Amino acid sequence: MTRLIDRWLARNTPYPGGYNETMYTGAEYYAGGADYGGQAGDAGAPGRGQERAPFGMLRQARRAYATNGVVFACEAVKMALFSEARFKFQAATDDHIFGNTDLAILEHPWPNADSGELLSRMCQDATFGNGYYRKANPAAGGNPVLVQLRPESVTIVSQEFTDDMGRRWRQPVGYFEDMGPSARPQIFTVEEVAHYSPVPDPAARWRGMSWLTPILADVHSDERLTQYKSFHLDNGAMPGLVVKYSTKLSSKTIDTLRKRIRARYGGPENAGNVLVLDEGADLTVAGSSLQDLQFDAVVKAGERRVCAAAGPGLLDIAGFESGDYKTAIRKLADLWARPHWRMACAALEHLVPTAADIGPVRLWYDVSGIAALREGELERSQSYLVTMQAVASSVQAGFTRKSATAAAHAGDVGLLVEDPNAPPPGVAGRATEKVGQGGFDAGPGPGQPPTGGPAGGIGGRPPQAGRPQQLPGLGKPNLPNAIPGAFVPMPALPAGARGAKRATDMNGEGNGRWYPVDGDD
């Protein structure tokens, strides 16, 4: 009766898509899909210009995540790596990264959580295709927090716009969050919600797609093989059996024999028991064993397909095969983690307040503390050192620093530009500042030797060597107190090389006579 009244009252105004029986049961709110119909300005109308995640796909993805060991192992490895990054700011001028208190909402997104849990949730949402996070300011006061929205309860609402030439396009303008049949949906603008959709859905414009979508058949086959293995063990690790009798048996007798054989010889605890038949019964094997089915090879084929869809290198990292861990983790970081970190930062960036005095910045990530990537960071540092050595060699060879940097980044020596201020080949130094009054280009200063001397002060180059008084000064040469000349011997001491002492009388007065020191001749 209630559903009939709801239909008669047309309860489709607060619920996009109208009221249906699934809303009454609470089992499913939306069947999924996209609708680009409607006219400009009617983006809020139900069923017009909306995209919502297919609930059936979300249900299958969640089931695979919770019940399939291969899917969970891949997600556990990805989550462990993805959650180790730290949020930072990156300056737009020189690309250096730094952090401040503006990142507090990401470092502590909700009570008892840090940035690692936020990234773990975002990695999990990527398995389901879409992640929605909104910024909430508590009415009672306090720090703002992030609120995670259920992907199946969010509908992306778009609106049609026209440009100055009358051409039309659509773009998202908000999000509906359906709170269930007992509450009205909540509406948020695009500035309030961070939408994380790393894998675009080809059947929609703005929503994401689960990476499990292309391999659902492989996931289902892996689950069925697991069930077959369990049934095989429950059946005593034996294939199907056919028991033949020479005489016709009644249906009751056949059922009794089937139950007896299963009860006595079925189950893992009865594996290997001897089956004894009488009254002319003949036993025939009708099924195949796990070895006959090449069970291990079939299972490994499914594992490879699931791991390949989950991310590069996961087959070795998750332990399904033994390979080069260093190469595998480098593949996962370069081809999966870094692009997903970048997209996560782009989705969350507009929720982070930025002080106006720190200049143009963007939200970025820092991987310096991730132990799994330290070897890769060491290789990057070595590559950076080689690049800097190439830049230094180019500058020393007489090219500008700007062109040397561009050539090193591009690997193209054709970008090198000759520096007009570079010294001649074989001459150290560079004429970049003035020395003395005249400078390098003005020739020697006052009191200096003429151009061309040993310390000559040649125009365009500094003095290389010479006497101290020939070095450039502040206007006057730095003249020493004495200039070394011909050798002049020092006069001899009056009492010899070791000196003398004056003899004193008993009254302590000297008599003016000199006596040799003890030991002197």
Protein backbone atom coordinates (compact mmCIF):
# COMPACT_ATOMS: atom_id res chain seq x y z
CA MET A 1 0.00 0.00 0.00
CA THR A 2 2.81 2.35 0.84
CA ARG A 3 4.52 1.76 -2.48
CA LEU A 4 1.25 2.35 -4.33
CA ILE A 5 0.76 5.70 -2.59
CA ASP A 6 4.34 6.65 -3.34
CA ARG A 7 3.82 5.87 -7.02
CA TRP A 8 0.59 7.82 -7.09
CA LEU A 9 2.28 10.80 -5.45
CA ALA A 10 5.12 10.47 -7.98
CA ARG A 11 7.97 10.54 -5.52
CA ASN A 12 10.49 11.21 -8.26
CA THR A 13 11.15 14.82 -7.34
CA PRO A 14 13.64 14.27 -4.50
CA TYR A 15 14.96 11.02 -6.03
CA PRO A 16 16.64 11.14 -9.45
CA GLY A 17 15.19 8.35 -11.54
CA GLY A 18 11.90 8.02 -9.62
CA TYR A 19 10.72 5.72 -6.87
CA ASN A 20 10.90 1.95 -7.36
CA GLU A 21 10.73 -1.27 -5.40
CA THR A 22 14.48 -1.44 -4.85
CA MET A 23 14.23 1.79 -2.85
CA TYR A 24 11.62 0.18 -0.62
CA THR A 25 13.76 -2.86 0.10
CA GLY A 26 16.96 -0.84 0.44
CA ALA A 27 18.87 -3.41 -1.61
CA GLU A 28 19.75 -1.17 -4.52
CA TYR A 29 19.23 2.51 -5.17
CA TYR A 30 20.36 2.86 -8.78
CA ALA A 31 20.73 0.49 -11.66
CA GLY A 32 23.49 2.67 -13.10
CA GLY A 33 24.02 4.35 -16.41
CA ALA A 34 24.25 7.85 -17.84
CA ASP A 35 21.74 10.31 -19.25
CA TYR A 36 22.85 13.30 -21.28
CA GLY A 37 19.36 14.47 -22.22
CA GLY A 38 17.64 17.66 -21.20
CA GLN A 39 17.98 21.31 -22.02
CA ALA A 40 20.30 23.98 -20.76
CA GLY A 41 19.62 24.99 -17.19
CA ASP A 42 17.80 21.82 -16.13
CA ALA A 43 20.84 20.04 -14.68
CA GLY A 44 19.09 19.52 -11.35
CA ALA A 45 16.06 17.81 -12.89
CA PRO A 46 15.84 14.04 -12.29
CA GLY A 47 17.17 11.95 -15.13
CA ARG A 48 18.69 14.86 -17.06
CA GLY A 49 22.43 15.17 -17.64
CA GLN A 50 23.40 12.74 -14.90
CA GLU A 51 26.00 10.01 -14.51
CA ARG A 52 25.97 7.47 -11.73
CA ALA A 53 28.05 4.37 -11.15
CA PRO A 54 26.42 1.06 -12.12
CA PHE A 55 25.50 -0.55 -8.83
CA GLY A 56 25.72 -4.07 -10.27
CA MET A 57 29.36 -3.50 -11.17
CA LEU A 58 30.10 -2.05 -7.74
CA ARG A 59 28.54 -5.09 -6.10
CA GLN A 60 30.64 -7.49 -8.17
CA ALA A 61 33.83 -5.49 -7.54
CA ARG A 62 33.23 -5.49 -3.79
CA ARG A 63 32.52 -9.20 -3.83
CA ALA A 64 35.71 -9.94 -5.76
CA TYR A 65 37.71 -7.73 -3.39
CA ALA A 66 36.35 -9.56 -0.35
CA THR A 67 36.35 -13.16 -1.62
CA ASN A 68 39.01 -13.54 -4.33
CA GLY A 69 42.53 -14.08 -3.04
CA VAL A 70 44.28 -12.86 -6.19
CA VAL A 71 42.35 -9.58 -6.28
CA PHE A 72 42.90 -8.95 -2.58
CA ALA A 73 46.64 -9.73 -2.81
CA CYS A 74 47.07 -7.25 -5.66
CA GLU A 75 45.12 -4.56 -3.81
CA ALA A 76 47.06 -5.16 -0.58
CA VAL A 77 50.39 -4.61 -2.36
CA LYS A 78 49.16 -1.49 -4.16
CA MET A 79 47.65 -0.09 -0.97
CA ALA A 80 50.86 -0.65 1.00
CA LEU A 81 52.90 1.30 -1.56
CA PHE A 82 50.34 4.00 -2.30
CA SER A 83 49.72 4.89 1.36
CA GLU A 84 53.41 5.58 2.10
CA ALA A 85 53.56 8.86 0.16
CA ARG A 86 53.23 12.20 1.93
CA PHE A 87 51.43 15.30 0.70
CA LYS A 88 53.54 18.38 0.00
CA PHE A 89 53.35 21.66 -1.89
CA GLN A 90 55.38 22.15 -5.06
CA ALA A 91 56.44 25.65 -6.05
CA ALA A 92 55.62 26.67 -9.59
CA THR A 93 58.85 28.67 -9.94
CA ASP A 94 61.58 26.08 -9.29
CA ASP A 95 59.60 22.86 -8.52
CA HIS A 96 60.95 22.49 -4.97
CA ILE A 97 58.59 20.78 -2.51
CA PHE A 98 57.79 21.91 1.02
CA GLY A 99 55.07 21.56 3.64
CA ASN A 100 53.24 23.79 6.10
CA THR A 101 50.16 23.82 8.31
CA ASP A 102 47.83 24.24 5.30
CA LEU A 103 48.17 20.48 4.74
CA ALA A 104 46.60 19.66 8.12
CA ILE A 105 43.29 18.55 6.57
CA LEU A 106 45.11 15.91 4.51
CA GLU A 107 47.49 14.86 7.27
CA HIS A 108 44.51 14.30 9.62
CA PRO A 109 41.47 13.96 7.32
CA TRP A 110 39.10 12.62 10.01
CA PRO A 111 39.48 11.53 13.65
CA ASN A 112 42.08 8.82 14.28
CA ALA A 113 43.28 8.91 10.66
CA ASP A 114 46.33 10.22 8.84
CA SER A 115 47.29 10.77 5.23
CA GLY A 116 48.19 7.09 4.86
CA GLU A 117 44.63 5.99 5.60
CA LEU A 118 43.27 8.62 3.22
CA LEU A 119 45.48 7.29 0.43
CA SER A 120 44.49 3.71 1.29
CA ARG A 121 40.82 4.62 0.94
CA MET A 122 41.50 6.31 -2.38
CA CYS A 123 43.36 3.24 -3.62
CA GLN A 124 40.41 1.08 -2.60
CA ASP A 125 37.99 3.45 -4.34
CA ALA A 126 40.02 3.07 -7.53
CA THR A 127 39.08 -0.63 -7.43
CA PHE A 128 35.42 0.40 -7.56
CA GLY A 129 36.02 3.10 -10.18
CA ASN A 130 35.23 6.33 -8.32
CA GLY A 131 36.09 8.01 -5.05
CA TYR A 132 34.21 11.03 -3.68
CA TYR A 133 35.41 13.14 -0.74
CA ARG A 134 33.88 16.37 0.51
CA LYS A 135 35.11 18.96 2.95
CA ALA A 136 32.85 19.51 5.97
CA ASN A 137 33.04 22.32 8.54
CA PRO A 138 31.50 21.20 11.87
CA ALA A 139 28.59 23.39 12.97
CA ALA A 140 29.85 23.27 16.56
CA GLY A 141 33.22 24.61 15.50
CA GLY A 142 36.60 23.00 15.14
CA ASN A 143 38.87 21.95 12.33
CA PRO A 144 37.33 20.92 8.99
CA VAL A 145 37.29 17.23 8.12
CA LEU A 146 36.99 15.11 4.98
CA VAL A 147 33.91 12.93 4.51
CA GLN A 148 34.02 9.89 2.22
CA LEU A 149 30.90 9.36 0.10
CA ARG A 150 29.67 5.97 -1.06
CA PRO A 151 30.26 5.67 -4.81
CA GLU A 152 26.86 4.06 -5.48
CA SER A 153 25.05 6.89 -3.72
CA VAL A 154 26.61 9.73 -5.76
CA THR A 155 25.29 11.04 -9.05
CA ILE A 156 27.34 13.44 -11.18
CA VAL A 157 25.17 16.28 -12.45
CA SER A 158 26.18 18.21 -15.56
CA GLN A 159 24.83 21.33 -17.20
CA GLU A 160 24.80 22.54 -20.75
CA PHE A 161 26.62 25.79 -21.57
CA THR A 162 27.09 27.84 -24.74
CA ASP A 163 30.12 29.79 -25.85
CA ASP A 164 30.22 33.21 -27.59
CA MET A 165 29.58 31.51 -30.94
CA GLY A 166 26.48 29.67 -29.75
CA ARG A 167 28.19 26.27 -29.59
CA ARG A 168 27.17 23.98 -26.74
CA TRP A 169 29.06 21.77 -24.32
CA ARG A 170 28.43 20.09 -20.98
CA GLN A 171 30.44 20.11 -17.79
CA PRO A 172 29.86 18.91 -14.20
CA VAL A 173 28.23 21.45 -11.90
CA GLY A 174 27.46 19.37 -8.81
CA TYR A 175 26.88 16.03 -7.11
CA PHE A 176 23.79 14.36 -5.66
CA GLU A 177 24.25 12.12 -2.65
CA ASP A 178 21.27 9.82 -2.18
CA MET A 179 20.86 9.11 1.54
CA GLY A 180 18.25 6.42 1.03
CA PRO A 181 14.44 6.36 0.97
CA SER A 182 14.16 7.93 4.43
CA ALA A 183 16.00 11.19 3.66
CA ARG A 184 16.28 13.74 0.91
CA PRO A 185 19.42 13.75 -1.21
CA GLN A 186 22.20 16.17 -0.41
CA ILE A 187 23.52 18.46 -3.13
CA PHE A 188 27.14 19.66 -3.38
CA THR A 189 28.94 21.88 -5.84
CA VAL A 190 32.09 20.84 -7.67
CA GLU A 191 34.12 23.10 -5.36
CA GLU A 192 33.02 21.06 -2.33
CA VAL A 193 33.76 17.57 -3.64
CA ALA A 194 36.99 15.89 -4.72
CA HIS A 195 36.24 13.30 -7.42
CA TYR A 196 38.98 10.70 -7.87
CA SER A 197 38.53 8.57 -11.01
CA PRO A 198 41.94 7.30 -12.21
CA VAL A 199 40.58 4.99 -14.95
CA PRO A 200 38.07 6.78 -17.23
CA ASP A 201 34.93 4.90 -18.16
CA PRO A 202 34.54 4.77 -21.98
CA ALA A 203 30.75 4.66 -21.57
CA ALA A 204 30.62 7.98 -19.68
CA ARG A 205 32.19 11.41 -19.70
CA TRP A 206 33.29 12.02 -16.13
CA ARG A 207 32.90 8.88 -14.05
CA GLY A 208 35.64 6.29 -13.61
CA MET A 209 35.71 2.57 -14.32
CA SER A 210 36.87 -0.25 -12.09
CA TRP A 211 39.97 -2.08 -13.27
CA LEU A 212 38.06 -5.30 -12.55
CA THR A 213 35.54 -4.59 -15.32
CA PRO A 214 37.54 -6.20 -18.20
CA ILE A 215 38.49 -9.28 -16.15
CA LEU A 216 35.28 -10.15 -14.33
CA ALA A 217 35.10 -13.37 -16.34
CA ASP A 218 38.63 -14.32 -15.23
CA VAL A 219 37.78 -13.53 -11.61
CA HIS A 220 34.66 -15.67 -11.87
CA SER A 221 36.66 -18.53 -13.42
CA ASP A 222 39.23 -18.34 -10.62
CA GLU A 223 36.46 -18.56 -8.04
CA ARG A 224 34.92 -21.55 -9.82
CA LEU A 225 38.28 -23.31 -9.93
CA THR A 226 38.64 -22.74 -6.20
CA GLN A 227 35.19 -24.24 -5.68
CA TYR A 228 36.09 -27.19 -7.91
CA LYS A 229 39.21 -27.83 -5.86
CA SER A 230 37.18 -27.74 -2.66
CA PHE A 231 34.59 -30.13 -4.08
CA HIS A 232 37.36 -32.42 -5.31
CA LEU A 233 38.80 -32.61 -1.80
CA ASP A 234 35.37 -33.05 -0.25
CA ASN A 235 34.83 -35.98 -2.58
CA GLY A 236 37.89 -37.79 -1.25
CA ALA A 237 40.27 -36.31 -3.83
CA MET A 238 38.83 -38.73 -6.40
CA PRO A 239 37.19 -38.06 -9.76
CA GLY A 240 33.63 -39.01 -10.53
CA LEU A 241 32.84 -42.72 -10.36
CA VAL A 242 30.34 -44.86 -12.27
CA VAL A 243 29.18 -48.13 -10.68
CA LYS A 244 27.66 -50.66 -13.06
CA TYR A 245 25.54 -53.71 -12.18
CA SER A 246 24.65 -56.56 -14.47
CA THR A 247 21.07 -56.61 -13.17
CA LYS A 248 18.53 -53.85 -13.10
CA LEU A 249 18.28 -51.95 -9.81
CA SER A 250 15.35 -50.07 -8.45
CA SER A 251 15.50 -46.34 -7.90
CA LYS A 252 15.47 -46.76 -4.15
CA THR A 253 18.43 -49.16 -4.31
CA ILE A 254 20.39 -46.78 -6.54
CA ASP A 255 19.82 -43.88 -4.14
CA THR A 256 20.86 -46.02 -1.19
CA LEU A 257 24.07 -47.17 -2.89
CA ARG A 258 24.95 -43.59 -3.87
CA LYS A 259 24.51 -42.37 -0.30
CA ARG A 260 26.52 -45.26 1.12
CA ILE A 261 29.45 -44.75 -1.23
CA ARG A 262 29.55 -40.99 -0.56
CA ALA A 263 29.26 -41.48 3.19
CA ARG A 264 31.92 -44.18 3.41
CA TYR A 265 34.40 -43.09 0.75
CA GLY A 266 33.70 -39.39 0.28
CA GLY A 267 35.44 -36.51 2.04
CA PRO A 268 39.13 -35.72 2.57
CA GLU A 269 39.30 -37.97 5.64
CA ASN A 270 38.48 -41.03 3.44
CA ALA A 271 40.99 -40.28 0.69
CA GLY A 272 42.89 -43.41 -0.30
CA ASN A 273 40.42 -45.90 1.22
CA VAL A 274 39.82 -49.18 -0.61
CA LEU A 275 36.48 -49.38 -2.38
CA VAL A 276 35.00 -52.92 -2.19
CA LEU A 277 32.10 -53.85 -4.46
CA ASP A 278 30.12 -57.07 -4.56
CA GLU A 279 27.31 -58.73 -6.51
CA GLY A 280 29.01 -58.19 -9.86
CA ALA A 281 29.41 -54.41 -9.61
CA ASP A 282 31.86 -52.77 -12.02
CA LEU A 283 33.63 -49.47 -11.20
CA THR A 284 34.50 -46.96 -13.93
CA VAL A 285 36.22 -43.55 -13.53
CA ALA A 286 34.15 -40.93 -15.34
CA GLY A 287 35.85 -37.69 -14.26
CA SER A 288 39.36 -36.36 -14.34
CA SER A 289 41.81 -35.67 -11.56
CA LEU A 290 43.40 -32.28 -10.93
CA GLN A 291 46.54 -33.45 -12.66
CA ASP A 292 44.57 -34.53 -15.72
CA LEU A 293 42.96 -31.09 -15.87
CA GLN A 294 46.38 -29.35 -15.54
CA PHE A 295 44.84 -27.49 -12.67
CA ASP A 296 47.99 -25.59 -11.71
CA ALA A 297 48.55 -24.27 -15.23
CA VAL A 298 44.94 -23.18 -15.57
CA VAL A 299 45.02 -21.37 -12.23
CA LYS A 300 48.29 -19.59 -13.06
CA ALA A 301 46.85 -18.38 -16.36
CA GLY A 302 44.00 -16.70 -14.50
CA GLU A 303 46.39 -15.21 -11.95
CA ARG A 304 48.49 -13.64 -14.70
CA ARG A 305 45.48 -11.98 -16.29
CA VAL A 306 44.21 -10.58 -12.98
CA CYS A 307 47.65 -9.30 -11.94
CA ALA A 308 48.24 -7.73 -15.35
CA ALA A 309 45.01 -5.76 -15.06
CA ALA A 310 45.74 -4.74 -11.45
CA GLY A 311 49.14 -3.21 -12.19
CA PRO A 312 52.59 -3.88 -13.68
CA GLY A 313 54.97 -6.02 -11.67
CA LEU A 314 52.33 -7.34 -9.26
CA LEU A 315 52.75 -10.94 -10.40
CA ASP A 316 56.25 -10.97 -8.88
CA ILE A 317 55.65 -8.64 -5.94
CA ALA A 318 52.52 -10.45 -4.74
CA GLY A 319 54.43 -13.74 -4.73
CA PHE A 320 52.60 -15.62 -7.48
CA GLU A 321 55.88 -15.95 -9.38
CA SER A 322 59.52 -15.50 -8.42
CA GLY A 323 61.20 -12.68 -10.33
CA ASP A 324 63.34 -9.58 -9.95
CA TYR A 325 61.78 -7.62 -7.09
CA LYS A 326 63.76 -4.46 -7.84
CA THR A 327 62.57 -4.34 -11.45
CA ALA A 328 58.99 -5.22 -10.49
CA ILE A 329 58.67 -2.53 -7.80
CA ARG A 330 60.20 0.02 -10.18
CA LYS A 331 57.56 -0.85 -12.81
CA LEU A 332 54.74 -0.58 -10.29
CA ALA A 333 56.00 2.77 -9.00
CA ASP A 334 56.70 4.36 -12.39
CA LEU A 335 53.73 3.05 -14.37
CA TRP A 336 51.03 2.90 -11.69
CA ALA A 337 51.83 4.66 -8.41
CA ARG A 338 53.24 7.95 -9.70
CA PRO A 339 50.37 8.65 -12.14
CA HIS A 340 47.83 7.77 -9.45
CA TRP A 341 49.57 10.00 -6.89
CA ARG A 342 49.45 12.85 -9.38
CA MET A 343 45.73 12.33 -10.07
CA ALA A 344 44.96 12.04 -6.36
CA CYS A 345 46.73 15.37 -5.71
CA ALA A 346 44.85 17.00 -8.58
CA ALA A 347 41.51 15.80 -7.17
CA LEU A 348 42.21 16.99 -3.61
CA GLU A 349 43.99 20.23 -4.45
CA HIS A 350 40.98 22.54 -4.35
CA LEU A 351 40.03 21.29 -0.86
CA VAL A 352 43.34 22.45 0.65
CA PRO A 353 43.63 26.09 1.76
CA THR A 354 46.75 27.85 0.50
CA ALA A 355 48.27 30.96 2.04
CA ALA A 356 48.57 33.84 -0.39
CA ASP A 357 52.12 34.71 0.69
CA ILE A 358 53.72 31.44 -0.45
CA GLY A 359 53.23 32.14 -4.15
CA PRO A 360 51.84 29.88 -6.88
CA VAL A 361 51.97 26.25 -5.75
CA ARG A 362 50.23 22.97 -6.45
CA LEU A 363 49.51 19.96 -4.27
CA TRP A 364 52.16 17.29 -4.79
CA TYR A 365 53.56 14.13 -3.20
CA ASP A 366 56.84 13.16 -1.56
CA VAL A 367 58.24 9.63 -1.90
CA SER A 368 61.60 10.18 -0.17
CA GLY A 369 60.49 8.20 2.89
CA ILE A 370 59.28 5.10 1.02
CA ALA A 371 61.69 2.24 1.70
CA ALA A 372 60.59 0.25 -1.36
CA LEU A 373 61.64 3.09 -3.69
CA ARG A 374 65.02 3.97 -2.15
CA GLU A 375 66.99 2.04 -4.75
CA GLY A 376 65.08 3.77 -7.50
CA GLU A 377 65.68 7.15 -5.90
CA LEU A 378 69.41 6.35 -5.73
CA GLU A 379 69.43 5.67 -9.46
CA ARG A 380 67.58 8.94 -10.05
CA SER A 381 70.19 10.79 -7.96
CA GLN A 382 72.98 9.23 -9.98
CA SER A 383 71.24 10.21 -13.19
CA TYR A 384 70.88 13.76 -11.85
CA LEU A 385 74.60 13.85 -11.04
CA VAL A 386 75.49 12.76 -14.59
CA THR A 387 73.20 15.47 -15.97
CA MET A 388 74.87 18.14 -13.82
CA GLN A 389 78.29 16.98 -14.97
CA ALA A 390 77.15 17.31 -18.57
CA VAL A 391 75.91 20.86 -17.89
CA ALA A 392 79.22 21.80 -16.22
CA SER A 393 81.22 20.37 -19.13
CA SER A 394 79.13 22.31 -21.63
CA VAL A 395 79.64 25.57 -19.73
CA GLN A 396 83.38 25.00 -19.50
CA ALA A 397 83.43 24.32 -23.22
CA GLY A 398 82.13 27.85 -23.87
CA PHE A 399 78.33 27.49 -24.06
CA THR A 400 75.69 29.40 -22.08
CA ARG A 401 74.28 27.85 -18.92
CA LYS A 402 70.71 28.12 -20.18
CA SER A 403 71.43 26.29 -23.41
CA ALA A 404 73.54 23.70 -21.58
CA THR A 405 70.64 22.95 -19.22
CA ALA A 406 68.17 22.66 -22.11
CA ALA A 407 70.51 20.39 -24.06
CA ALA A 408 71.08 18.13 -21.04
CA HIS A 409 67.32 17.71 -20.44
CA ALA A 410 66.54 17.08 -24.10
CA GLY A 411 69.67 15.06 -24.90
CA ASP A 412 70.23 17.22 -27.99
CA VAL A 413 73.60 18.95 -28.42
CA GLY A 414 72.09 21.02 -31.21
CA LEU A 415 70.47 23.21 -28.53
CA LEU A 416 73.86 24.46 -27.28
CA VAL A 417 74.48 28.17 -27.83
CA GLU A 418 77.97 29.67 -27.78
CA ASP A 419 78.67 32.11 -24.95
CA PRO A 420 80.23 35.38 -26.26
CA ASN A 421 81.81 36.06 -22.85
CA ALA A 422 83.55 32.71 -22.65
CA PRO A 423 87.40 32.83 -22.31
CA PRO A 424 89.60 31.57 -25.14
CA PRO A 425 90.26 27.83 -25.18
CA GLY A 426 92.83 26.80 -22.61
CA VAL A 427 92.34 29.90 -20.44
CA ALA A 428 90.79 29.49 -17.01
CA GLY A 429 88.30 32.00 -15.73
CA ARG A 430 85.48 34.01 -17.23
CA ALA A 431 85.18 37.79 -17.62
CA THR A 432 82.09 38.29 -15.54
CA GLU A 433 83.07 41.14 -13.15
CA LYS A 434 85.45 44.08 -12.97
CA VAL A 435 88.73 44.05 -11.06
CA GLY A 436 90.47 47.24 -9.92
CA GLN A 437 89.55 50.57 -11.49
CA GLY A 438 89.57 49.65 -15.11
CA GLY A 439 88.36 46.07 -15.07
CA PHE A 440 89.50 43.31 -17.38
CA ASP A 441 88.21 44.95 -20.51
CA ALA A 442 89.70 48.36 -19.66
CA GLY A 443 93.29 47.19 -19.56
CA PRO A 444 95.74 47.62 -16.65
CA GLY A 445 94.98 50.06 -13.84
CA PRO A 446 97.24 52.82 -12.57
CA GLY A 447 100.66 51.66 -11.51
CA GLN A 448 100.30 48.27 -13.18
CA PRO A 449 102.68 46.92 -15.79
CA PRO A 450 101.80 47.43 -19.41
CA THR A 451 99.50 44.99 -21.13
CA GLY A 452 101.19 41.77 -22.03
CA GLY A 453 103.46 41.43 -18.97
CA PRO A 454 103.67 38.31 -16.88
CA ALA A 455 100.83 39.53 -14.69
CA GLY A 456 99.76 41.78 -17.43
CA GLY A 457 96.10 42.41 -16.84
CA ILE A 458 95.28 41.61 -20.46
CA GLY A 459 91.96 43.05 -21.43
CA GLY A 460 89.29 40.43 -20.89
CA ARG A 461 91.31 38.21 -18.49
CA PRO A 462 92.56 38.57 -14.91
CA PRO A 463 96.26 38.53 -13.95
CA GLN A 464 97.61 35.01 -13.80
CA ALA A 465 100.91 35.40 -11.89
CA GLY A 466 103.59 37.93 -11.00
CA ARG A 467 104.96 40.05 -8.20
CA PRO A 468 102.69 41.18 -5.38
CA GLN A 469 102.95 44.83 -6.34
CA GLN A 470 101.59 43.95 -9.78
CA LEU A 471 98.31 42.58 -8.40
CA PRO A 472 95.27 44.85 -8.82
CA GLY A 473 94.38 46.98 -5.82
CA LEU A 474 91.97 49.76 -4.88
CA GLY A 475 93.69 52.38 -6.99
CA LYS A 476 97.30 52.05 -5.77
CA PRO A 477 99.55 49.05 -6.15
CA ASN A 478 100.17 47.04 -3.04
CA LEU A 479 103.85 47.88 -2.61
CA PRO A 480 105.85 45.85 -0.08
CA ASN A 481 108.12 47.41 2.52
CA ALA A 482 111.25 46.13 0.85
CA ILE A 483 112.10 44.57 -2.44
CA PRO A 484 114.59 41.69 -2.27
CA GLY A 485 117.93 42.69 -3.75
CA ALA A 486 121.63 41.64 -3.42
CA PHE A 487 122.55 39.48 -0.46
CA VAL A 488 124.02 41.46 2.50
CA PRO A 489 125.51 39.45 5.39
CA MET A 490 124.34 40.25 8.93
CA PRO A 491 126.99 41.94 11.21
CA ALA A 492 128.70 39.66 13.75
CA LEU A 493 127.60 39.80 17.38
CA PRO A 494 130.02 41.38 19.89
CA ALA A 495 130.39 38.31 22.08
CA GLY A 496 129.89 35.61 19.48
CA ALA A 497 126.89 33.69 18.25
CA ARG A 498 125.71 32.66 21.75
CA GLY A 499 125.93 36.11 23.39
CA ALA A 500 127.71 37.08 26.66
CA LYS A 501 126.99 37.98 30.25
CA ARG A 502 128.20 40.86 32.32
CA ALA A 503 130.19 40.10 35.44
CA THR A 504 129.01 41.74 38.63
CA ASP A 505 130.87 42.48 41.87
CA MET A 506 129.82 41.68 45.32
CA ASN A 507 127.77 44.90 45.57
CA GLY A 508 125.78 43.90 42.50
CA GLU A 509 127.29 46.66 40.34
CA GLY A 510 128.81 45.84 37.10
CA ASN A 511 132.43 46.65 36.47
CA GLY A 512 131.93 47.21 32.82
CA ARG A 513 133.96 44.21 31.80
CA TRP A 514 132.71 41.32 29.63
CA TYR A 515 133.36 37.72 30.40
CA PRO A 516 132.72 34.76 28.18
CA VAL A 517 129.74 32.51 28.90
CA ASP A 518 130.47 29.17 30.57
CA GLY A 519 131.57 26.75 27.95
CA ASP A 520 132.85 29.42 25.54
CA ASP A 521 136.48 29.72 24.67
